Amino acid sequence: MAFAVFARYSHDETLLNFMGKQLSRHFSPNETREVCFNVYGKNRELIQFLKEHGFVTDMEGFQLQYDFSKEMKMPETLPLVEKGFSPEMLSHFIQLFEKAYYDLNLENGWSTDSYQKDPDHFMNSLQDYESEERVRSFWMDDKLIGAYIITGEYIRDFVIHPEYQSRGYGSLMLKNSIHRMSKVMGMDNIFLRVAKSNSGAKRFYERNHFIELSNFAEHTFVAKI
């Protein structure tokens, strides 16, 4: 993992040349390690520099932060049944996550069935989150229509079944997550990340009092064979 922070970036080629030499000496033509380099901020020169040195962009996006200065009113009753996670729910979670992320994964060239391919890993992750009460699921009758997962101060995953989007359920679930993180878990900051290509999700979060905090771009080194 390579990481760089620039207090002030002034297009100094000397700095980029130095970084290039430091990175290149770790790579060989038969490199098999996964090497990541994340860029924060709108730094197009640094992103171009990474591409010239064999890195490819995995994901670009925005980091958003909840604005606590805005008034948030929790509904008196939630028209859904709220639960956590238990093993018998796994197939429902797999179906929900793959349907909710299908378009985003397809647009970015990512796997659209990763949860089906490795259900044990997904199960273990969900059980870990459940042990700390960081996964919440929302049901209508016996159908799982949405869920969210909390990691630290981040809403890591926030998914709504496509058939139930644009009906107000997403806003209710988001309010539920904010209430849980701030009032139950005592967090003063709430963040989430959204892919650059997922403009609809970004608009949804901004309507619900999230503000853009920064940009990010994640890269992985690919050996030239």
C-alpha atoms as a PDB file:
ATOM      1  CA  MET A   1       0.000   0.000   0.000  1.00  0.00           C
ATOM      2  CA  ALA A   2       1.431   3.359  -1.026  1.00  0.00           C
ATOM      3  CA  PHE A   3       0.032   6.541   0.449  1.00  0.00           C
ATOM      4  CA  ALA A   4       0.905  10.175  -0.197  1.00  0.00           C
ATOM      5  CA  VAL A   5      -0.356  13.379   1.357  1.00  0.00           C
ATOM      6  CA  PHE A   6       0.314  16.794  -0.180  1.00  0.00           C
ATOM      7  CA  ALA A   7      -0.186  19.814   2.055  1.00  0.00           C
ATOM      8  CA  ARG A   8       0.091  21.938  -1.073  1.00  0.00           C
ATOM      9  CA  TYR A   9       0.554  20.614  -4.589  1.00  0.00           C
ATOM     10  CA  SER A  10       2.259  22.927  -7.100  1.00  0.00           C
ATOM     11  CA  HIS A  11       2.817  20.706 -10.166  1.00  0.00           C
ATOM     12  CA  ASP A  12       6.412  20.077  -9.114  1.00  0.00           C
ATOM     13  CA  GLU A  13       7.846  17.496 -11.547  1.00  0.00           C
ATOM     14  CA  THR A  14      10.753  16.837  -9.179  1.00  0.00           C
ATOM     15  CA  LEU A  15       8.382  15.389  -6.596  1.00  0.00           C
ATOM     16  CA  LEU A  16       6.614  13.182  -9.148  1.00  0.00           C
ATOM     17  CA  ASN A  17       9.923  11.950 -10.561  1.00  0.00           C
ATOM     18  CA  PHE A  18      11.092  11.052  -7.065  1.00  0.00           C
ATOM     19  CA  MET A  19       7.862   9.159  -6.386  1.00  0.00           C
ATOM     20  CA  GLY A  20       8.191   7.353  -9.709  1.00  0.00           C
ATOM     21  CA  LYS A  21      11.673   6.097  -8.853  1.00  0.00           C
ATOM     22  CA  GLN A  22      10.568   4.976  -5.399  1.00  0.00           C
ATOM     23  CA  LEU A  23       7.578   3.073  -6.787  1.00  0.00           C
ATOM     24  CA  SER A  24       9.354   1.530  -9.775  1.00  0.00           C
ATOM     25  CA  ARG A  25      12.032  -0.176  -7.724  1.00  0.00           C
ATOM     26  CA  HIS A  26       9.371  -2.273  -6.003  1.00  0.00           C
ATOM     27  CA  PHE A  27       7.903  -3.587  -9.263  1.00  0.00           C
ATOM     28  CA  SER A  28       9.270  -6.252 -11.577  1.00  0.00           C
ATOM     29  CA  PRO A  29       7.926  -7.531 -14.923  1.00  0.00           C
ATOM     30  CA  ASN A  30       6.560 -10.586 -13.098  1.00  0.00           C
ATOM     31  CA  GLU A  31       4.983  -8.637 -10.231  1.00  0.00           C
ATOM     32  CA  THR A  32       2.057 -10.571  -8.724  1.00  0.00           C
ATOM     33  CA  ARG A  33       1.382  -8.598  -5.544  1.00  0.00           C
ATOM     34  CA  GLU A  34      -1.653  -6.340  -5.397  1.00  0.00           C
ATOM     35  CA  VAL A  35      -0.349  -2.828  -4.821  1.00  0.00           C
ATOM     36  CA  CYS A  36      -2.886  -0.086  -4.129  1.00  0.00           C
ATOM     37  CA  PHE A  37      -2.525   3.684  -4.274  1.00  0.00           C
ATOM     38  CA  ASN A  38      -5.408   5.880  -3.158  1.00  0.00           C
ATOM     39  CA  VAL A  39      -5.619   9.538  -4.145  1.00  0.00           C
ATOM     40  CA  TYR A  40      -7.707  11.996  -2.148  1.00  0.00           C
ATOM     41  CA  GLY A  41      -8.746  15.311  -3.635  1.00  0.00           C
ATOM     42  CA  LYS A  42      -9.208  16.479  -7.226  1.00  0.00           C
ATOM     43  CA  ASN A  43      -5.625  15.731  -8.188  1.00  0.00           C
ATOM     44  CA  ARG A  44      -5.776  14.818 -11.881  1.00  0.00           C
ATOM     45  CA  GLU A  45      -2.006  15.164 -12.342  1.00  0.00           C
ATOM     46  CA  LEU A  46      -1.283  12.551  -9.684  1.00  0.00           C
ATOM     47  CA  ILE A  47      -3.922  10.193 -11.112  1.00  0.00           C
ATOM     48  CA  GLN A  48      -2.372  10.519 -14.582  1.00  0.00           C
ATOM     49  CA  PHE A  49       1.064   9.904 -13.051  1.00  0.00           C
ATOM     50  CA  LEU A  50      -0.169   6.632 -11.512  1.00  0.00           C
ATOM     51  CA  LYS A  51      -1.651   5.439 -14.807  1.00  0.00           C
ATOM     52  CA  GLU A  52       1.666   6.083 -16.534  1.00  0.00           C
ATOM     53  CA  HIS A  53       3.342   3.842 -13.946  1.00  0.00           C
ATOM     54  CA  GLY A  54       1.060   0.842 -14.455  1.00  0.00           C
ATOM     55  CA  PHE A  55      -1.826   1.558 -12.087  1.00  0.00           C
ATOM     56  CA  VAL A  56      -5.444   1.289 -13.188  1.00  0.00           C
ATOM     57  CA  THR A  57      -8.363   3.115 -11.595  1.00  0.00           C
ATOM     58  CA  ASP A  58     -10.625   0.804  -9.595  1.00  0.00           C
ATOM     59  CA  MET A  59     -13.068   3.417  -8.378  1.00  0.00           C
ATOM     60  CA  GLU A  60     -13.494   7.168  -8.219  1.00  0.00           C
ATOM     61  CA  GLY A  61     -16.026   8.851  -6.026  1.00  0.00           C
ATOM     62  CA  PHE A  62     -16.991  11.206  -3.264  1.00  0.00           C
ATOM     63  CA  GLN A  63     -16.831  11.124   0.506  1.00  0.00           C
ATOM     64  CA  LEU A  64     -19.935  12.648   2.062  1.00  0.00           C
ATOM     65  CA  GLN A  65     -20.602  13.768   5.620  1.00  0.00           C
ATOM     66  CA  TYR A  66     -23.924  14.170   7.376  1.00  0.00           C
ATOM     67  CA  ASP A  67     -24.789  17.771   8.248  1.00  0.00           C
ATOM     68  CA  PHE A  68     -26.075  17.725  11.814  1.00  0.00           C
ATOM     69  CA  SER A  69     -27.136  21.377  11.551  1.00  0.00           C
ATOM     70  CA  LYS A  70     -30.128  20.240   9.500  1.00  0.00           C
ATOM     71  CA  GLU A  71     -33.198  19.133  11.383  1.00  0.00           C
ATOM     72  CA  MET A  72     -33.979  15.439  11.090  1.00  0.00           C
ATOM     73  CA  LYS A  73     -37.349  14.168  12.216  1.00  0.00           C
ATOM     74  CA  MET A  74     -37.684  10.465  12.865  1.00  0.00           C
ATOM     75  CA  PRO A  75     -41.064   8.965  11.911  1.00  0.00           C
ATOM     76  CA  GLU A  76     -43.099   7.795  14.875  1.00  0.00           C
ATOM     77  CA  THR A  77     -43.509   4.390  13.269  1.00  0.00           C
ATOM     78  CA  LEU A  78     -41.536   2.682  10.514  1.00  0.00           C
ATOM     79  CA  PRO A  79     -43.797   0.888   7.991  1.00  0.00           C
ATOM     80  CA  LEU A  80     -41.267  -1.949   7.868  1.00  0.00           C
ATOM     81  CA  VAL A  81     -40.097  -4.632  10.268  1.00  0.00           C
ATOM     82  CA  GLU A  82     -36.538  -3.937  11.443  1.00  0.00           C
ATOM     83  CA  LYS A  83     -34.227  -6.854  12.189  1.00  0.00           C
ATOM     84  CA  GLY A  84     -30.525  -7.641  12.284  1.00  0.00           C
ATOM     85  CA  PHE A  85     -28.964 -10.674  10.607  1.00  0.00           C
ATOM     86  CA  SER A  86     -29.162 -14.408  11.267  1.00  0.00           C
ATOM     87  CA  PRO A  87     -27.837 -17.296   9.127  1.00  0.00           C
ATOM     88  CA  GLU A  88     -31.232 -18.277   7.717  1.00  0.00           C
ATOM     89  CA  MET A  89     -31.417 -14.797   6.134  1.00  0.00           C
ATOM     90  CA  LEU A  90     -28.298 -15.312   3.996  1.00  0.00           C
ATOM     91  CA  SER A  91     -30.068 -16.101   0.713  1.00  0.00           C
ATOM     92  CA  HIS A  92     -32.235 -12.993   1.143  1.00  0.00           C
ATOM     93  CA  PHE A  93     -29.149 -10.834   1.735  1.00  0.00           C
ATOM     94  CA  ILE A  94     -27.344 -12.270  -1.297  1.00  0.00           C
ATOM     95  CA  GLN A  95     -30.317 -11.548  -3.536  1.00  0.00           C
ATOM     96  CA  LEU A  96     -30.754  -8.026  -2.142  1.00  0.00           C
ATOM     97  CA  PHE A  97     -27.095  -6.998  -2.425  1.00  0.00           C
ATOM     98  CA  GLU A  98     -26.646  -8.392  -5.925  1.00  0.00           C
ATOM     99  CA  LYS A  99     -29.818  -6.749  -7.234  1.00  0.00           C
ATOM    100  CA  ALA A 100     -29.106  -3.423  -5.518  1.00  0.00           C
ATOM    101  CA  TYR A 101     -25.500  -3.255  -6.770  1.00  0.00           C
ATOM    102  CA  TYR A 102     -26.063  -4.862 -10.188  1.00  0.00           C
ATOM    103  CA  ASP A 103     -26.122  -1.705 -12.342  1.00  0.00           C
ATOM    104  CA  LEU A 104     -23.208  -0.101 -10.480  1.00  0.00           C
ATOM    105  CA  ASN A 105     -21.092  -3.251 -10.763  1.00  0.00           C
ATOM    106  CA  LEU A 106     -21.942  -3.663 -14.444  1.00  0.00           C
ATOM    107  CA  GLU A 107     -21.081  -0.035 -15.289  1.00  0.00           C
ATOM    108  CA  ASN A 108     -17.687  -0.317 -13.598  1.00  0.00           C
ATOM    109  CA  GLY A 109     -16.777  -3.763 -14.903  1.00  0.00           C
ATOM    110  CA  TRP A 110     -16.984  -5.392 -11.482  1.00  0.00           C
ATOM    111  CA  SER A 111     -18.367  -8.841 -10.730  1.00  0.00           C
ATOM    112  CA  THR A 112     -22.163  -8.913 -10.539  1.00  0.00           C
ATOM    113  CA  ASP A 113     -22.382 -12.186  -8.609  1.00  0.00           C
ATOM    114  CA  SER A 114     -19.552 -12.006  -6.067  1.00  0.00           C
ATOM    115  CA  TYR A 115     -21.896 -12.699  -3.144  1.00  0.00           C
ATOM    116  CA  GLN A 116     -23.151 -15.921  -4.746  1.00  0.00           C
ATOM    117  CA  LYS A 117     -19.618 -17.029  -5.561  1.00  0.00           C
ATOM    118  CA  ASP A 118     -18.399 -16.750  -1.978  1.00  0.00           C
ATOM    119  CA  PRO A 119     -21.413 -17.037   0.344  1.00  0.00           C
ATOM    120  CA  ASP A 120     -19.303 -18.246   3.272  1.00  0.00           C
ATOM    121  CA  HIS A 121     -17.221 -15.067   3.266  1.00  0.00           C
ATOM    122  CA  PHE A 122     -20.374 -12.936   3.073  1.00  0.00           C
ATOM    123  CA  MET A 123     -21.940 -14.956   5.896  1.00  0.00           C
ATOM    124  CA  ASN A 124     -18.892 -14.533   8.128  1.00  0.00           C
ATOM    125  CA  SER A 125     -18.787 -10.784   7.477  1.00  0.00           C
ATOM    126  CA  LEU A 126     -22.475 -10.370   8.272  1.00  0.00           C
ATOM    127  CA  GLN A 127     -22.151 -12.396  11.460  1.00  0.00           C
ATOM    128  CA  ASP A 128     -19.231 -10.219  12.561  1.00  0.00           C
ATOM    129  CA  TYR A 129     -21.291  -7.079  11.965  1.00  0.00           C
ATOM    130  CA  GLU A 130     -24.284  -8.600  13.742  1.00  0.00           C
ATOM    131  CA  SER A 131     -22.157  -9.425  16.799  1.00  0.00           C
ATOM    132  CA  GLU A 132     -21.566  -5.669  17.176  1.00  0.00           C
ATOM    133  CA  GLU A 133     -25.124  -4.718  16.135  1.00  0.00           C
ATOM    134  CA  ARG A 134     -23.832  -2.941  13.027  1.00  0.00           C
ATOM    135  CA  VAL A 135     -26.120  -4.522  10.434  1.00  0.00           C
ATOM    136  CA  ARG A 136     -29.819  -3.708  10.175  1.00  0.00           C
ATOM    137  CA  SER A 137     -32.314  -5.242   7.773  1.00  0.00           C
ATOM    138  CA  PHE A 138     -35.787  -4.071   6.815  1.00  0.00           C
ATOM    139  CA  TRP A 139     -38.601  -6.396   5.832  1.00  0.00           C
ATOM    140  CA  MET A 140     -42.045  -6.119   4.295  1.00  0.00           C
ATOM    141  CA  ASP A 141     -43.921  -9.284   5.155  1.00  0.00           C
ATOM    142  CA  ASP A 142     -41.305 -11.962   4.389  1.00  0.00           C
ATOM    143  CA  LYS A 143     -39.378  -9.944   1.794  1.00  0.00           C
ATOM    144  CA  LEU A 144     -36.079  -8.221   2.560  1.00  0.00           C
ATOM    145  CA  ILE A 145     -36.293  -4.824   0.858  1.00  0.00           C
ATOM    146  CA  GLY A 146     -33.301  -3.002   2.342  1.00  0.00           C
ATOM    147  CA  ALA A 147     -30.326  -3.106   4.684  1.00  0.00           C
ATOM    148  CA  TYR A 148     -27.383  -1.084   5.896  1.00  0.00           C
ATOM    149  CA  ILE A 149     -24.022  -1.914   7.467  1.00  0.00           C
ATOM    150  CA  ILE A 150     -21.998   0.378   9.739  1.00  0.00           C
ATOM    151  CA  THR A 151     -18.191   0.332   9.927  1.00  0.00           C
ATOM    152  CA  GLY A 152     -16.656   2.826  12.322  1.00  0.00           C
ATOM    153  CA  GLU A 153     -18.173   6.222  11.530  1.00  0.00           C
ATOM    154  CA  TYR A 154     -19.129   5.097   8.016  1.00  0.00           C
ATOM    155  CA  ILE A 155     -22.321   3.756   6.538  1.00  0.00           C
ATOM    156  CA  ARG A 156     -20.443   1.057   4.650  1.00  0.00           C
ATOM    157  CA  ASP A 157     -23.344  -0.385   2.660  1.00  0.00           C
ATOM    158  CA  PHE A 158     -26.782   1.088   2.140  1.00  0.00           C
ATOM    159  CA  VAL A 159     -28.941  -0.991  -0.196  1.00  0.00           C
ATOM    160  CA  ILE A 160     -32.574  -0.868  -1.305  1.00  0.00           C
ATOM    161  CA  HIS A 161     -34.179  -3.506  -3.508  1.00  0.00           C
ATOM    162  CA  PRO A 162     -34.736  -1.884  -6.952  1.00  0.00           C
ATOM    163  CA  GLU A 163     -38.456  -2.698  -6.850  1.00  0.00           C
ATOM    164  CA  TYR A 164     -38.844  -0.594  -3.695  1.00  0.00           C
ATOM    165  CA  GLN A 165     -36.766   2.426  -4.660  1.00  0.00           C
ATOM    166  CA  SER A 166     -38.351   5.892  -5.105  1.00  0.00           C
ATOM    167  CA  ARG A 167     -41.107   5.041  -2.608  1.00  0.00           C
ATOM    168  CA  GLY A 168     -39.694   6.826   0.426  1.00  0.00           C
ATOM    169  CA  TYR A 169     -38.321   3.699   2.093  1.00  0.00           C
ATOM    170  CA  GLY A 170     -34.722   4.735   1.442  1.00  0.00           C
ATOM    171  CA  SER A 171     -35.138   8.044   3.265  1.00  0.00           C
ATOM    172  CA  LEU A 172     -36.766   6.281   6.214  1.00  0.00           C
ATOM    173  CA  MET A 173     -33.934   3.749   6.400  1.00  0.00           C
ATOM    174  CA  LEU A 174     -31.316   6.490   6.147  1.00  0.00           C
ATOM    175  CA  LYS A 175     -32.937   8.407   9.005  1.00  0.00           C
ATOM    176  CA  ASN A 176     -32.938   5.175  10.981  1.00  0.00           C
ATOM    177  CA  SER A 177     -29.199   4.697  10.380  1.00  0.00           C
ATOM    178  CA  ILE A 178     -28.385   8.291  11.354  1.00  0.00           C
ATOM    179  CA  HIS A 179     -30.475   8.017  14.521  1.00  0.00           C
ATOM    180  CA  ARG A 180     -28.801   4.730  15.412  1.00  0.00           C
ATOM    181  CA  MET A 181     -25.275   6.026  14.843  1.00  0.00           C
ATOM    182  CA  SER A 182     -25.754   9.364  16.595  1.00  0.00           C
ATOM    183  CA  LYS A 183     -28.193   8.593  19.413  1.00  0.00           C
ATOM    184  CA  VAL A 184     -27.587   4.907  20.141  1.00  0.00           C
ATOM    185  CA  MET A 185     -23.892   4.590  19.259  1.00  0.00           C
ATOM    186  CA  GLY A 186     -22.946   8.146  20.256  1.00  0.00           C
ATOM    187  CA  MET A 187     -21.160   9.190  17.057  1.00  0.00           C
ATOM    188  CA  ASP A 188     -20.501  12.858  16.352  1.00  0.00           C
ATOM    189  CA  ASN A 189     -19.587  12.292  12.697  1.00  0.00           C
ATOM    190  CA  ILE A 190     -21.269  10.162  10.053  1.00  0.00           C
ATOM    191  CA  PHE A 191     -19.650   9.524   6.684  1.00  0.00           C
ATOM    192  CA  LEU A 192     -20.297   7.486   3.584  1.00  0.00           C
ATOM    193  CA  ARG A 193     -18.694   7.031   0.190  1.00  0.00           C
ATOM    194  CA  VAL A 194     -20.427   6.964  -3.169  1.00  0.00           C
ATOM    195  CA  ALA A 195     -19.024   6.065  -6.581  1.00  0.00           C
ATOM    196  CA  LYS A 196     -18.617   8.866  -9.117  1.00  0.00           C
ATOM    197  CA  SER A 197     -20.746   6.923 -11.607  1.00  0.00           C
ATOM    198  CA  ASN A 198     -23.597   6.588  -9.089  1.00  0.00           C
ATOM    199  CA  SER A 199     -24.940  10.120  -9.505  1.00  0.00           C
ATOM    200  CA  GLY A 200     -28.468   9.124  -8.486  1.00  0.00           C
ATOM    201  CA  ALA A 201     -27.270   7.881  -5.102  1.00  0.00           C
ATOM    202  CA  LYS A 202     -25.254  11.062  -4.558  1.00  0.00           C
ATOM    203  CA  ARG A 203     -28.339  13.206  -5.207  1.00  0.00           C
ATOM    204  CA  PHE A 204     -30.342  11.022  -2.813  1.00  0.00           C
ATOM    205  CA  TYR A 205     -27.826  11.500   0.004  1.00  0.00           C
ATOM    206  CA  GLU A 206     -27.569  15.239  -0.628  1.00  0.00           C
ATOM    207  CA  ARG A 207     -31.360  15.565  -0.418  1.00  0.00           C
ATOM    208  CA  ASN A 208     -31.073  13.892   2.970  1.00  0.00           C
ATOM    209  CA  HIS A 209     -28.563  16.418   4.373  1.00  0.00           C
ATOM    210  CA  PHE A 210     -25.236  14.864   3.381  1.00  0.00           C
ATOM    211  CA  ILE A 211     -22.639  17.263   1.993  1.00  0.00           C
ATOM    212  CA  GLU A 212     -19.651  16.558  -0.234  1.00  0.00           C
ATOM    213  CA  LEU A 213     -16.487  16.481   1.838  1.00  0.00           C
ATOM    214  CA  SER A 214     -13.805  15.256  -0.574  1.00  0.00           C
ATOM    215  CA  ASN A 215     -12.991  13.238  -3.686  1.00  0.00           C
ATOM    216  CA  PHE A 216     -11.136   9.942  -3.830  1.00  0.00           C
ATOM    217  CA  ALA A 217      -9.667   7.667  -6.490  1.00  0.00           C
ATOM    218  CA  GLU A 218      -8.503   4.112  -5.782  1.00  0.00           C
ATOM    219  CA  HIS A 219      -5.889   2.437  -7.989  1.00  0.00           C
ATOM    220  CA  THR A 220      -4.310  -1.001  -8.258  1.00  0.00           C
ATOM    221  CA  PHE A 221      -0.994  -1.807  -9.936  1.00  0.00           C
ATOM    222  CA  VAL A 222      -1.238  -4.183 -12.904  1.00  0.00           C
ATOM    223  CA  ALA A 223       1.968  -5.839 -14.080  1.00  0.00           C
ATOM    224  CA  LYS A 224       2.827  -5.518 -17.763  1.00  0.00           C
ATOM    225  CA  ILE A 225       3.351  -9.096 -18.893  1.00  0.00           C
END
